[in-house]
PDB file of N, CA and C in Angstrom:
ATOM      1  N   MET A   1       0.847  -1.175   0.000  1.00  0.00           N
ATOM      2  CA  MET A   1       0.000   0.000   0.000  1.00  0.00           C
ATOM      3  C   MET A   1       0.897   1.244   0.000  1.00  0.00           C
ATOM      4  N   GLU A   2       0.531   2.205  -0.808  1.00  0.00           N
ATOM      5  CA  GLU A   2       1.320   3.431  -0.929  1.00  0.00           C
ATOM      6  C   GLU A   2       1.157   4.305   0.324  1.00  0.00           C
ATOM      7  N   PRO A   3       2.202   5.076   0.660  1.00  0.00           N
ATOM      8  CA  PRO A   3       2.115   5.952   1.834  1.00  0.00           C
ATOM      9  C   PRO A   3       0.940   6.930   1.785  1.00  0.00           C
ATOM     10  N   VAL A   4       0.633   7.447   0.607  1.00  0.00           N
ATOM     11  CA  VAL A   4      -0.478   8.390   0.494  1.00  0.00           C
ATOM     12  C   VAL A   4      -1.802   7.706   0.837  1.00  0.00           C
ATOM     13  N   THR A   5      -1.959   6.453   0.487  1.00  0.00           N
ATOM     14  CA  THR A   5      -3.173   5.702   0.822  1.00  0.00           C
ATOM     15  C   THR A   5      -3.239   5.441   2.313  1.00  0.00           C
ATOM     16  N   ILE A   6      -2.113   5.136   2.913  1.00  0.00           N
ATOM     17  CA  ILE A   6      -2.063   4.912   4.365  1.00  0.00           C
ATOM     18  C   ILE A   6      -2.474   6.187   5.102  1.00  0.00           C
ATOM     19  N   ILE A   7      -1.953   7.323   4.655  1.00  0.00           N
ATOM     20  CA  ILE A   7      -2.324   8.602   5.262  1.00  0.00           C
ATOM     21  C   ILE A   7      -3.826   8.842   5.097  1.00  0.00           C
ATOM     22  N   GLY A   8      -4.350   8.515   3.945  1.00  0.00           N
ATOM     23  CA  GLY A   8      -5.790   8.659   3.697  1.00  0.00           C
ATOM     24  C   GLY A   8      -6.608   7.820   4.646  1.00  0.00           C
ATOM     25  N   TYR A   9      -6.196   6.581   4.868  1.00  0.00           N
ATOM     26  CA  TYR A   9      -6.931   5.707   5.782  1.00  0.00           C
ATOM     27  C   TYR A   9      -6.818   6.187   7.223  1.00  0.00           C
ATOM     28  N   ILE A  10      -5.658   6.688   7.623  1.00  0.00           N
ATOM     29  CA  ILE A  10      -5.497   7.211   8.984  1.00  0.00           C
ATOM     30  C   ILE A  10      -6.402   8.432   9.180  1.00  0.00           C
ATOM     31  N   ALA A  11      -6.373   9.342   8.229  1.00  0.00           N
ATOM     32  CA  ALA A  11      -7.224  10.534   8.312  1.00  0.00           C
ATOM     33  C   ALA A  11      -8.701  10.141   8.322  1.00  0.00           C
ATOM     34  N   ALA A  12      -9.060   9.200   7.487  1.00  0.00           N
ATOM     35  CA  ALA A  12     -10.445   8.740   7.415  1.00  0.00           C
ATOM     36  C   ALA A  12     -10.879   8.106   8.735  1.00  0.00           C
ATOM     37  N   THR A  13     -10.006   7.325   9.327  1.00  0.00           N
ATOM     38  CA  THR A  13     -10.322   6.676  10.601  1.00  0.00           C
ATOM     39  C   THR A  13     -10.512   7.706  11.707  1.00  0.00           C
ATOM     40  N   LEU A  14      -9.594   8.658  11.810  1.00  0.00           N
ATOM     41  CA  LEU A  14      -9.706   9.686  12.845  1.00  0.00           C
ATOM     42  C   LEU A  14     -10.945  10.560  12.646  1.00  0.00           C
ATOM     43  N   GLY A  15     -11.208  10.933  11.409  1.00  0.00           N
ATOM     44  CA  GLY A  15     -12.370  11.761  11.104  1.00  0.00           C
ATOM     45  C   GLY A  15     -13.683  11.044  11.372  1.00  0.00           C
ATOM     46  N   THR A  16     -13.666   9.742  11.256  1.00  0.00           N
ATOM     47  CA  THR A  16     -14.868   8.952  11.489  1.00  0.00           C
ATOM     48  C   THR A  16     -15.096   8.706  12.971  1.00  0.00           C
ATOM     49  N   ILE A  17     -14.053   8.293  13.684  1.00  0.00           N
ATOM     50  CA  ILE A  17     -14.247   7.952  15.094  1.00  0.00           C
ATOM     51  C   ILE A  17     -14.498   9.177  15.975  1.00  0.00           C
ATOM     52  N   CYS A  18     -14.217  10.360  15.466  1.00  0.00           N
ATOM     53  CA  CYS A  18     -14.477  11.557  16.272  1.00  0.00           C
ATOM     54  C   CYS A  18     -15.965  11.714  16.557  1.00  0.00           C
ATOM     55  N   TRP A  19     -16.832  11.101  15.763  1.00  0.00           N
ATOM     56  CA  TRP A  19     -18.274  11.206  15.965  1.00  0.00           C
ATOM     57  C   TRP A  19     -18.797  10.227  17.002  1.00  0.00           C
ATOM     58  N   VAL A  20     -18.050   9.198  17.308  1.00  0.00           N
ATOM     59  CA  VAL A  20     -18.524   8.146  18.208  1.00  0.00           C
ATOM     60  C   VAL A  20     -18.869   8.678  19.603  1.00  0.00           C
ATOM     61  N   PRO A  21     -17.998   9.455  20.260  1.00  0.00           N
ATOM     62  CA  PRO A  21     -18.364   9.927  21.606  1.00  0.00           C
ATOM     63  C   PRO A  21     -19.645  10.763  21.626  1.00  0.00           C
ATOM     64  N   GLN A  22     -19.817  11.663  20.646  1.00  0.00           N
ATOM     65  CA  GLN A  22     -21.033  12.483  20.610  1.00  0.00           C
ATOM     66  C   GLN A  22     -22.261  11.632  20.350  1.00  0.00           C
ATOM     67  N   MET A  23     -22.148  10.686  19.441  1.00  0.00           N
ATOM     68  CA  MET A  23     -23.268   9.820  19.120  1.00  0.00           C
ATOM     69  C   MET A  23     -23.672   8.995  20.345  1.00  0.00           C
ATOM     70  N   MET A  24     -22.683   8.399  21.010  1.00  0.00           N
ATOM     71  CA  MET A  24     -22.982   7.574  22.177  1.00  0.00           C
ATOM     72  C   MET A  24     -23.582   8.408  23.308  1.00  0.00           C
ATOM     73  N   LYS A  25     -22.989   9.572  23.567  1.00  0.00           N
ATOM     74  CA  LYS A  25     -23.501  10.435  24.631  1.00  0.00           C
ATOM     75  C   LYS A  25     -24.932  10.861  24.342  1.00  0.00           C
ATOM     76  N   THR A  26     -25.200  11.188  23.096  1.00  0.00           N
ATOM     77  CA  THR A  26     -26.540  11.633  22.707  1.00  0.00           C
ATOM     78  C   THR A  26     -27.573  10.537  22.935  1.00  0.00           C
ATOM     79  N   TRP A  27     -27.269   9.327  22.500  1.00  0.00           N
ATOM     80  CA  TRP A  27     -28.239   8.238  22.623  1.00  0.00           C
ATOM     81  C   TRP A  27     -28.354   7.726  24.050  1.00  0.00           C
ATOM     82  N   ILE A  28     -27.275   7.749  24.807  1.00  0.00           N
ATOM     83  CA  ILE A  28     -27.341   7.276  26.189  1.00  0.00           C
ATOM     84  C   ILE A  28     -28.074   8.277  27.071  1.00  0.00           C
ATOM     85  N   SER A  29     -27.727   9.560  26.930  1.00  0.00           N
ATOM     86  CA  SER A  29     -28.334  10.587  27.786  1.00  0.00           C
ATOM     87  C   SER A  29     -29.705  11.044  27.284  1.00  0.00           C
ATOM     88  N   ARG A  30     -29.948  10.877  26.008  1.00  0.00           N
ATOM     89  CA  ARG A  30     -31.170  11.367  25.350  1.00  0.00           C
ATOM     90  C   ARG A  30     -31.335  12.878  25.535  1.00  0.00           C
ATOM     91  N   GLU A  31     -30.207  13.539  25.671  1.00  0.00           N
ATOM     92  CA  GLU A  31     -30.172  14.985  25.879  1.00  0.00           C
ATOM     93  C   GLU A  31     -29.608  15.646  24.623  1.00  0.00           C
ATOM     94  N   THR A  32     -30.433  16.450  23.957  1.00  0.00           N
ATOM     95  CA  THR A  32     -29.990  17.052  22.698  1.00  0.00           C
ATOM     96  C   THR A  32     -30.189  18.563  22.643  1.00  0.00           C
ATOM     97  N   LYS A  33     -30.615  19.159  23.732  1.00  0.00           N
ATOM     98  CA  LYS A  33     -30.925  20.592  23.686  1.00  0.00           C
ATOM     99  C   LYS A  33     -29.713  21.450  23.345  1.00  0.00           C
ATOM    100  N   ASP A  34     -28.527  20.998  23.674  1.00  0.00           N
ATOM    101  CA  ASP A  34     -27.317  21.777  23.382  1.00  0.00           C
ATOM    102  C   ASP A  34     -26.720  21.491  22.002  1.00  0.00           C
ATOM    103  N   LEU A  35     -27.342  20.592  21.267  1.00  0.00           N
ATOM    104  CA  LEU A  35     -26.849  20.272  19.922  1.00  0.00           C
ATOM    105  C   LEU A  35     -27.596  21.123  18.891  1.00  0.00           C
ATOM    106  N   SER A  36     -26.866  21.643  17.957  1.00  0.00           N
ATOM    107  CA  SER A  36     -27.469  22.433  16.890  1.00  0.00           C
ATOM    108  C   SER A  36     -27.934  21.511  15.763  1.00  0.00           C
ATOM    109  N   LEU A  37     -29.232  21.529  15.501  1.00  0.00           N
ATOM    110  CA  LEU A  37     -29.769  20.736  14.399  1.00  0.00           C
ATOM    111  C   LEU A  37     -29.181  21.202  13.078  1.00  0.00           C
ATOM    112  N   TRP A  38     -29.115  22.534  12.884  1.00  0.00           N
ATOM    113  CA  TRP A  38     -28.612  23.070  11.620  1.00  0.00           C
ATOM    114  C   TRP A  38     -27.146  22.711  11.390  1.00  0.00           C
ATOM    115  N   ALA A  39     -26.335  22.779  12.430  1.00  0.00           N
ATOM    116  CA  ALA A  39     -24.923  22.433  12.276  1.00  0.00           C
ATOM    117  C   ALA A  39     -24.777  20.969  11.886  1.00  0.00           C
ATOM    118  N   ASN A  40     -25.563  20.107  12.494  1.00  0.00           N
ATOM    119  CA  ASN A  40     -25.484  18.687  12.170  1.00  0.00           C
ATOM    120  C   ASN A  40     -26.044  18.380  10.790  1.00  0.00           C
ATOM    121  N   LEU A  41     -27.084  19.105  10.383  1.00  0.00           N
ATOM    122  CA  LEU A  41     -27.607  18.927   9.025  1.00  0.00           C
ATOM    123  C   LEU A  41     -26.592  19.397   7.984  1.00  0.00           C
ATOM    124  N   LEU A  42     -25.920  20.506   8.276  1.00  0.00           N
ATOM    125  CA  LEU A  42     -24.873  20.973   7.358  1.00  0.00           C
ATOM    126  C   LEU A  42     -23.719  19.978   7.292  1.00  0.00           C
ATOM    127  N   MET A  43     -23.359  19.394   8.427  1.00  0.00           N
ATOM    128  CA  MET A  43     -22.300  18.382   8.422  1.00  0.00           C
ATOM    129  C   MET A  43     -22.735  17.159   7.625  1.00  0.00           C
ATOM    130  N   LEU A  44     -23.982  16.782   7.749  1.00  0.00           N
ATOM    131  CA  LEU A  44     -24.505  15.656   6.974  1.00  0.00           C
ATOM    132  C   LEU A  44     -24.432  15.956   5.476  1.00  0.00           C
ATOM    133  N   ALA A  45     -24.777  17.167   5.085  1.00  0.00           N
ATOM    134  CA  ALA A  45     -24.660  17.561   3.678  1.00  0.00           C
ATOM    135  C   ALA A  45     -23.204  17.557   3.239  1.00  0.00           C
ATOM    136  N   ASN A  46     -22.318  18.053   4.083  1.00  0.00           N
ATOM    137  CA  ASN A  46     -20.886  18.061   3.795  1.00  0.00           C
ATOM    138  C   ASN A  46     -20.359  16.641   3.580  1.00  0.00           C
ATOM    139  N   LEU A  47     -20.719  15.753   4.485  1.00  0.00           N
ATOM    140  CA  LEU A  47     -20.271  14.358   4.370  1.00  0.00           C
ATOM    141  C   LEU A  47     -20.812  13.699   3.104  1.00  0.00           C
ATOM    142  N   THR A  48     -22.044  14.039   2.758  1.00  0.00           N
ATOM    143  CA  THR A  48     -22.639  13.482   1.536  1.00  0.00           C
ATOM    144  C   THR A  48     -21.884  13.963   0.301  1.00  0.00           C
ATOM    145  N   MET A  49     -21.483  15.227   0.303  1.00  0.00           N
ATOM    146  CA  MET A  49     -20.699  15.744  -0.822  1.00  0.00           C
ATOM    147  C   MET A  49     -19.327  15.076  -0.889  1.00  0.00           C
ATOM    148  N   TRP A  50     -18.678  14.874   0.266  1.00  0.00           N
ATOM    149  CA  TRP A  50     -17.388  14.179   0.290  1.00  0.00           C
ATOM    150  C   TRP A  50     -17.542  12.730  -0.175  1.00  0.00           C
ATOM    151  N   LEU A  51     -18.643  12.094   0.200  1.00  0.00           N
ATOM    152  CA  LEU A  51     -18.896  10.727  -0.265  1.00  0.00           C
ATOM    153  C   LEU A  51     -19.026  10.714  -1.783  1.00  0.00           C
ATOM    154  N   THR A  52     -19.782  11.649  -2.315  1.00  0.00           N
ATOM    155  CA  THR A  52     -19.950  11.744  -3.766  1.00  0.00           C
ATOM    156  C   THR A  52     -18.601  11.963  -4.452  1.00  0.00           C
ATOM    157  N   TYR A  53     -17.802  12.852  -3.908  1.00  0.00           N
ATOM    158  CA  TYR A  53     -16.463  13.122  -4.430  1.00  0.00           C
ATOM    159  C   TYR A  53     -15.609  11.851  -4.406  1.00  0.00           C
ATOM    160  N   GLY A  54     -15.653  11.149  -3.290  1.00  0.00           N
ATOM    161  CA  GLY A  54     -14.882   9.909  -3.169  1.00  0.00           C
ATOM    162  C   GLY A  54     -15.318   8.858  -4.176  1.00  0.00           C
ATOM    163  N   ILE A  55     -16.622   8.758  -4.379  1.00  0.00           N
ATOM    164  CA  ILE A  55     -17.140   7.796  -5.361  1.00  0.00           C
ATOM    165  C   ILE A  55     -16.670   8.164  -6.761  1.00  0.00           C
ATOM    166  N   LEU A  56     -16.749   9.450  -7.097  1.00  0.00           N
ATOM    167  CA  LEU A  56     -16.316   9.897  -8.426  1.00  0.00           C
ATOM    168  C   LEU A  56     -14.832   9.642  -8.658  1.00  0.00           C
ATOM    169  N   LEU A  57     -14.036   9.765  -7.586  1.00  0.00           N
ATOM    170  CA  LEU A  57     -12.596   9.507  -7.699  1.00  0.00           C
ATOM    171  C   LEU A  57     -12.251   8.023  -7.552  1.00  0.00           C
ATOM    172  N   GLY A  58     -13.163   7.253  -6.984  1.00  0.00           N
ATOM    173  CA  GLY A  58     -12.862   5.862  -6.668  1.00  0.00           C
ATOM    174  C   GLY A  58     -11.885   5.761  -5.503  1.00  0.00           C
ATOM    175  N   ALA A  59     -11.943   6.737  -4.585  1.00  0.00           N
ATOM    176  CA  ALA A  59     -11.020   6.815  -3.451  1.00  0.00           C
ATOM    177  C   ALA A  59     -11.651   6.145  -2.236  1.00  0.00           C
ATOM    178  N   TRP A  60     -11.247   4.895  -1.989  1.00  0.00           N
ATOM    179  CA  TRP A  60     -11.862   4.117  -0.930  1.00  0.00           C
ATOM    180  C   TRP A  60     -11.738   4.708   0.467  1.00  0.00           C
ATOM    181  N   PRO A  61     -10.624   5.318   0.847  1.00  0.00           N
ATOM    182  CA  PRO A  61     -10.590   5.921   2.193  1.00  0.00           C
ATOM    183  C   PRO A  61     -11.682   6.983   2.372  1.00  0.00           C
ATOM    184  N   ILE A  62     -11.911   7.774   1.343  1.00  0.00           N
ATOM    185  CA  ILE A  62     -12.931   8.816   1.406  1.00  0.00           C
ATOM    186  C   ILE A  62     -14.328   8.197   1.422  1.00  0.00           C
ATOM    187  N   ILE A  63     -14.531   7.195   0.604  1.00  0.00           N
ATOM    188  CA  ILE A  63     -15.841   6.537   0.513  1.00  0.00           C
ATOM    189  C   ILE A  63     -16.213   5.882   1.837  1.00  0.00           C
ATOM    190  N   VAL A  64     -15.347   5.057   2.356  1.00  0.00           N
ATOM    191  CA  VAL A  64     -15.638   4.306   3.583  1.00  0.00           C
ATOM    192  C   VAL A  64     -15.840   5.255   4.766  1.00  0.00           C
ATOM    193  N   ALA A  65     -14.933   6.201   4.928  1.00  0.00           N
ATOM    194  CA  ALA A  65     -15.028   7.124   6.062  1.00  0.00           C
ATOM    195  C   ALA A  65     -16.321   7.920   6.024  1.00  0.00           C
ATOM    196  N   ASN A  66     -16.707   8.384   4.864  1.00  0.00           N
ATOM    197  CA  ASN A  66     -17.896   9.215   4.782  1.00  0.00           C
ATOM    198  C   ASN A  66     -19.178   8.415   4.887  1.00  0.00           C
ATOM    199  N   LEU A  67     -19.182   7.193   4.416  1.00  0.00           N
ATOM    200  CA  LEU A  67     -20.353   6.329   4.625  1.00  0.00           C
ATOM    201  C   LEU A  67     -20.603   6.112   6.110  1.00  0.00           C
ATOM    202  N   ILE A  68     -19.544   5.777   6.826  1.00  0.00           N
ATOM    203  CA  ILE A  68     -19.678   5.528   8.268  1.00  0.00           C
ATOM    204  C   ILE A  68     -20.031   6.823   8.999  1.00  0.00           C
ATOM    205  N   SER A  69     -19.373   7.922   8.639  1.00  0.00           N
ATOM    206  CA  SER A  69     -19.663   9.206   9.288  1.00  0.00           C
ATOM    207  C   SER A  69     -21.099   9.651   9.029  1.00  0.00           C
ATOM    208  N   ILE A  70     -21.611   9.382   7.840  1.00  0.00           N
ATOM    209  CA  ILE A  70     -23.008   9.710   7.538  1.00  0.00           C
ATOM    210  C   ILE A  70     -23.933   8.944   8.471  1.00  0.00           C
ATOM    211  N   LEU A  71     -23.621   7.691   8.736  1.00  0.00           N
ATOM    212  CA  LEU A  71     -24.435   6.907   9.676  1.00  0.00           C
ATOM    213  C   LEU A  71     -24.381   7.506  11.074  1.00  0.00           C
ATOM    214  N   PHE A  72     -23.188   7.891  11.527  1.00  0.00           N
ATOM    215  CA  PHE A  72     -23.031   8.453  12.863  1.00  0.00           C
ATOM    216  C   PHE A  72     -23.742   9.798  12.991  1.00  0.00           C
ATOM    217  N   VAL A  73     -23.485  10.702  12.061  1.00  0.00           N
ATOM    218  CA  VAL A  73     -24.104  12.032  12.130  1.00  0.00           C
ATOM    219  C   VAL A  73     -25.613  11.914  11.884  1.00  0.00           C
ATOM    220  N   GLY A  74     -26.003  11.025  11.003  1.00  0.00           N
ATOM    221  CA  GLY A  74     -27.426  10.775  10.785  1.00  0.00           C
ATOM    222  C   GLY A  74     -28.110  10.301  12.057  1.00  0.00           C
ATOM    223  N   SER A  75     -27.406   9.500  12.824  1.00  0.00           N
ATOM    224  CA  SER A  75     -27.920   9.031  14.106  1.00  0.00           C
ATOM    225  C   SER A  75     -28.079  10.188  15.092  1.00  0.00           C
ATOM    226  N   ILE A  76     -27.125  11.104  15.088  1.00  0.00           N
ATOM    227  CA  ILE A  76     -27.207  12.283  15.960  1.00  0.00           C
ATOM    228  C   ILE A  76     -28.386  13.166  15.543  1.00  0.00           C
ATOM    229  N   VAL A  77     -28.564  13.371  14.253  1.00  0.00           N
ATOM    230  CA  VAL A  77     -29.693  14.169  13.756  1.00  0.00           C
ATOM    231  C   VAL A  77     -31.010  13.495  14.137  1.00  0.00           C
ATOM    232  N   THR A  78     -31.076  12.185  13.979  1.00  0.00           N
ATOM    233  CA  THR A  78     -32.280  11.442  14.352  1.00  0.00           C
ATOM    234  C   THR A  78     -32.584  11.622  15.830  1.00  0.00           C
ATOM    235  N   ALA A  79     -31.570  11.498  16.676  1.00  0.00           N
ATOM    236  CA  ALA A  79     -31.756  11.689  18.119  1.00  0.00           C
ATOM    237  C   ALA A  79     -32.233  13.110  18.407  1.00  0.00           C
ATOM    238  N   LYS A  80     -31.672  14.082  17.720  1.00  0.00           N
ATOM    239  CA  LYS A  80     -32.070  15.475  17.909  1.00  0.00           C
ATOM    240  C   LYS A  80     -33.535  15.665  17.583  1.00  0.00           C
ATOM    241  N   LEU A  81     -33.998  15.027  16.527  1.00  0.00           N
ATOM    242  CA  LEU A  81     -35.406  15.136  16.131  1.00  0.00           C
ATOM    243  C   LEU A  81     -36.334  14.406  17.088  1.00  0.00           C
ATOM    244  N   ILE A  82     -35.869  13.299  17.646  1.00  0.00           N
ATOM    245  CA  ILE A  82     -36.688  12.516  18.572  1.00  0.00           C
ATOM    246  C   ILE A  82     -36.725  13.126  19.965  1.00  0.00           C
ATOM    247  N   TYR A  83     -35.547  13.531  20.463  1.00  0.00           N
ATOM    248  CA  TYR A  83     -35.418  13.987  21.852  1.00  0.00           C
ATOM    249  C   TYR A  83     -35.310  15.496  21.975  1.00  0.00           C
ATOM    250  N   LYS A  84     -36.077  16.230  21.245  1.00  0.00           N
ATOM    251  CA  LYS A  84     -36.025  17.697  21.281  1.00  0.00           C
ATOM    252  C   LYS A  84     -35.988  18.117  22.692  1.00  0.00           C
TER     253      LYS A  84
END
């Protein structure tokens, strides 16, 4: 594997796992009043655009990271809508 691909996977992993603590805290506490719905919706749109970009390039680190991040941020948005 080329060094640039390794860097891509490391960046993708870090960018993806950063959502785990917020997602877990949100679902465990069911407390969302301090979360911005608009900020999370914009992040979801951002991740969707990065996923599209990754698909167009065939760049697997970008594709995998953004698919997983979309699930995590989507989960946070869902919790925000449920637990207003």
